Protein backbone atom coordinates (compact mmCIF):
# COMPACT_ATOMS: atom_id res chain seq x y z
CA UNK A 1 0.00 0.00 0.00
CA UNK A 2 1.46 3.34 -0.99
CA UNK A 3 1.18 6.61 0.97
CA UNK A 4 -1.52 8.05 -1.32
CA UNK A 5 -3.76 5.07 -0.56
CA UNK A 6 -3.33 5.61 3.19
CA UNK A 7 -4.21 9.33 3.25
CA UNK A 8 -7.87 10.33 3.45
CA UNK A 9 -9.24 12.33 0.54
CA UNK A 10 -9.30 16.07 1.23
CA UNK A 11 -12.63 17.43 2.45
CA UNK A 12 -14.63 19.72 0.19
CA UNK A 13 -13.57 22.64 2.36
CA UNK A 14 -9.90 21.67 2.05
CA UNK A 15 -10.41 21.52 -1.73
CA UNK A 16 -12.08 24.96 -1.65
CA UNK A 17 -9.15 26.42 0.32
CA UNK A 18 -6.68 24.94 -2.16
CA UNK A 19 -8.27 26.62 -5.20
CA UNK A 20 -6.04 28.99 -7.17
CA UNK A 21 -6.61 32.72 -6.70
CA UNK A 22 -8.29 33.08 -10.10
CA UNK A 23 -11.27 30.94 -8.96
CA UNK A 24 -14.11 31.59 -6.53
CA UNK A 25 -15.35 28.47 -4.75
CA UNK A 26 -18.58 27.65 -2.95
CA UNK A 27 -19.92 24.46 -1.36
CA UNK A 28 -23.59 24.19 -2.29
CA UNK A 29 -25.58 20.99 -1.85
CA UNK A 30 -22.48 18.94 -0.93
CA UNK A 31 -20.85 19.96 -4.23
CA UNK A 32 -17.85 22.22 -4.76
CA UNK A 33 -18.76 24.86 -7.36
CA UNK A 34 -16.05 27.01 -8.93
CA UNK A 35 -16.13 29.95 -11.26
CA UNK A 36 -13.56 32.38 -12.61
CA UNK A 37 -13.18 35.84 -11.11
CA UNK A 38 -15.78 38.36 -12.30
CA UNK A 39 -15.70 40.18 -15.65
CA UNK A 40 -15.33 43.94 -16.00
CA UNK A 41 -19.10 44.53 -16.34
CA UNK A 42 -19.72 42.41 -13.29
CA UNK A 43 -17.09 44.37 -11.36
CA UNK A 44 -18.57 47.73 -12.39
CA UNK A 45 -22.04 46.68 -11.25
CA UNK A 46 -20.66 45.51 -7.90
CA UNK A 47 -18.66 48.69 -7.46
CA UNK A 48 -21.72 50.81 -8.31
CA UNK A 49 -23.81 49.03 -5.70
CA UNK A 50 -21.07 49.29 -3.10
CA UNK A 51 -20.61 53.03 -3.71
CA UNK A 52 -24.33 53.74 -3.55
CA UNK A 53 -25.09 51.55 -0.52
CA UNK A 54 -21.94 51.65 1.63
CA UNK A 55 -21.88 55.43 2.11
CA UNK A 56 -25.43 55.82 3.44
CA UNK A 57 -25.84 52.41 5.08
CA UNK A 58 -22.37 51.24 6.10
CA UNK A 59 -20.81 54.63 6.91
CA UNK A 60 -23.98 56.63 7.66
CA UNK A 61 -23.13 59.34 5.09
CA UNK A 62 -26.43 60.77 3.84
CA UNK A 63 -28.35 57.76 5.14
CA UNK A 64 -29.35 55.86 8.25
CA UNK A 65 -26.15 53.83 8.78
CA UNK A 66 -26.34 50.71 10.90
CA UNK A 67 -25.17 48.16 8.30
CA UNK A 68 -22.06 46.33 7.18
CA UNK A 69 -21.88 46.03 3.37
CA UNK A 70 -19.21 43.51 2.31
CA UNK A 71 -18.11 42.33 -1.14
CA UNK A 72 -17.68 38.56 -1.66
CA UNK A 73 -17.88 37.37 1.96
CA UNK A 74 -17.46 33.66 2.62
CA UNK A 75 -20.80 32.93 4.33
CA UNK A 76 -20.78 29.68 6.29
CA UNK A 77 -24.38 28.59 6.73
CA UNK A 78 -22.96 25.36 8.15
CA UNK A 79 -19.31 25.80 9.11
CA UNK A 80 -17.03 24.39 6.40
CA UNK A 81 -19.96 22.36 4.95
CA UNK A 82 -22.43 24.77 3.28
CA UNK A 83 -20.73 27.92 2.02
CA UNK A 84 -21.85 30.64 -0.36
CA UNK A 85 -19.96 33.66 -1.62
CA UNK A 86 -22.56 36.25 -2.63
CA UNK A 87 -21.26 39.13 -4.72
CA UNK A 88 -22.39 41.51 -1.97
CA UNK A 89 -23.95 40.95 1.42
CA UNK A 90 -25.24 43.20 4.15
CA UNK A 91 -25.78 42.73 7.86
CA UNK A 92 -27.62 44.98 10.28
CA UNK A 93 -25.11 45.89 12.95
CA UNK A 94 -27.52 45.04 15.76
CA UNK A 95 -27.41 41.43 14.50
CA UNK A 96 -23.66 41.37 13.80
CA UNK A 97 -22.03 44.10 15.92
CA UNK A 98 -18.49 43.26 14.80
CA UNK A 99 -16.89 42.00 11.60
CA UNK A 100 -15.27 38.56 12.04
CA UNK A 101 -11.50 38.57 12.42
CA UNK A 102 -11.15 35.66 10.01
CA UNK A 103 -12.64 34.95 6.59
CA UNK A 104 -15.69 32.98 7.84
CA UNK A 105 -18.94 34.91 8.19
CA UNK A 106 -21.21 32.71 10.32
CA UNK A 107 -24.08 35.16 10.90
CA UNK A 108 -26.74 34.87 8.19
CA UNK A 109 -26.86 38.13 6.17
CA UNK A 110 -29.92 40.40 6.12
CA UNK A 111 -29.45 41.07 2.40
CA UNK A 112 -27.53 39.45 -0.43
CA UNK A 113 -26.94 40.48 -4.02
CA UNK A 114 -25.89 38.22 -6.86
CA UNK A 115 -24.58 39.79 -10.05
CA UNK A 116 -25.60 37.44 -12.82
CA UNK A 117 -23.43 36.32 -15.70
CA UNK A 118 -24.16 33.78 -18.42
CA UNK A 119 -21.99 31.28 -16.53
CA UNK A 120 -23.55 31.81 -13.07
CA UNK A 121 -27.20 32.79 -13.63
CA UNK A 122 -28.51 29.22 -13.51
CA UNK A 123 -26.64 28.47 -10.26
CA UNK A 124 -27.60 31.83 -8.72
CA UNK A 125 -31.29 31.34 -9.48
CA UNK A 126 -31.61 27.56 -9.13
CA UNK A 127 -29.27 26.75 -6.26
CA UNK A 128 -28.39 29.90 -4.34
CA UNK A 129 -31.85 31.55 -4.19
CA UNK A 130 -33.40 28.45 -2.55
CA UNK A 131 -30.39 28.20 -0.21
CA UNK A 132 -30.83 31.83 0.84
CA UNK A 133 -34.55 31.25 1.45
CA UNK A 134 -33.86 28.09 3.46
CA UNK A 135 -31.55 30.06 5.75
CA UNK A 136 -33.97 32.95 6.15
CA UNK A 137 -32.18 35.81 4.39
CA UNK A 138 -34.94 38.45 4.21
CA UNK A 139 -33.83 40.28 1.04
CA UNK A 140 -32.09 39.33 -2.20
CA UNK A 141 -31.29 41.38 -5.28
CA UNK A 142 -30.30 39.89 -8.63
CA UNK A 143 -28.46 42.27 -10.93
CA UNK A 144 -27.90 41.49 -14.61
CA UNK A 145 -25.30 43.81 -16.17
CA UNK A 146 -25.93 42.44 -19.69
CA UNK A 147 -29.71 42.97 -19.56
CA UNK A 148 -29.28 46.03 -17.31
CA UNK A 149 -31.85 44.87 -14.79
CA UNK A 150 -32.25 44.59 -11.05
CA UNK A 151 -34.76 42.19 -9.52
CA UNK A 152 -35.55 42.75 -5.83
CA UNK A 153 -36.98 39.89 -3.77
CA UNK A 154 -38.30 39.71 -0.23
CA UNK A 155 -38.70 36.49 1.74
CA UNK A 156 -42.29 35.99 2.88
CA UNK A 157 -43.32 32.84 4.72
CA UNK A 158 -40.28 31.03 3.35
CA UNK A 159 -40.84 31.97 -0.30
CA UNK A 160 -39.39 34.72 -2.46
CA UNK A 161 -41.77 37.49 -3.52
CA UNK A 162 -40.65 39.65 -6.42
CA UNK A 163 -40.98 43.27 -5.29
CA UNK A 164 -39.76 44.97 -8.46
CA UNK A 165 -37.85 44.52 -11.69
CA UNK A 166 -35.97 47.67 -12.65
CA UNK A 167 -34.32 48.32 -16.00
CA UNK A 168 -31.75 50.66 -17.56
CA UNK A 169 -31.83 53.94 -15.60
CA UNK A 170 -34.85 53.40 -13.34
CA UNK A 171 -34.50 54.87 -9.84
CA UNK A 172 -33.52 52.32 -7.19
CA UNK A 173 -35.23 52.72 -3.83
CA UNK A 174 -35.99 49.19 -2.65
CA UNK A 175 -36.09 47.32 0.65
CA UNK A 176 -34.06 47.03 2.68
CA UNK A 177 -32.36 50.16 1.32
CA UNK A 178 -35.41 52.26 0.54
CA UNK A 179 -34.28 55.27 2.61
CA UNK A 180 -32.13 56.35 -0.36
CA UNK A 181 -32.47 56.46 -4.13
CA UNK A 182 -29.94 56.16 -6.93
CA UNK A 183 -30.16 55.62 -10.68
CA UNK A 184 -29.74 52.02 -11.83
CA UNK A 185 -27.68 53.42 -14.74
CA UNK A 186 -24.88 54.10 -12.24
CA UNK A 187 -24.19 50.35 -12.26
CA UNK A 188 -23.53 50.24 -15.98
CA UNK A 189 -21.22 53.28 -16.26
C-alpha cells in the first residue's frame, strides 16, 4: 500500500481552500462549485452598488447607517460544509455588531446580491436563491449587467416574492435600502 492510498481524501472545504486565486469556490448541496473571477461589467455593477449603498448604510453618510456592506464574503451557513460567496452581502449591525477577524462569516446576512453572468445565472437562481430562502435571508437582489436589470426579492413565509424589476436607468429605492435612491444606470457606467 502506498502513501496516497493511506491518506484520506481532502474534504470539500480543504479543496475549496486549495483553489487557485483566479477561482471563486462555494460548497452548495455537498458539491464544490467554482467559477472564474468576475468580468469587468460584473465588477462595475458591484462597485456601483457598493458606492451607492456603503456610504449611506455602512458609513452613515447621507443615510441611516447601521449596516455592514461587504463584497464577496465567505458565508458559512454550516461551518465548512455549506458555504456561499454572494457578490455583496449586508448585515444589520444590531445582529452582527463586529466584523469577524477571520474569513468565515457565520451570521446569516440580512441582504444578499448576486450579479448574474451567463456562466452563473442558472446556479444563482436555481441553487443559491433556494439556499438563501432556506436560511432565512430576508432580502435578495439579482443584478444582470448584460440585460441592465435589477430584480428585488423579499422572503415571505419562506418563499421569495418579487418586489420589483428595474431596467436601464430606473431609480432604485428598494427594501431594505429604501431610505435612499440612486439611478440604476450608475451600475452600468
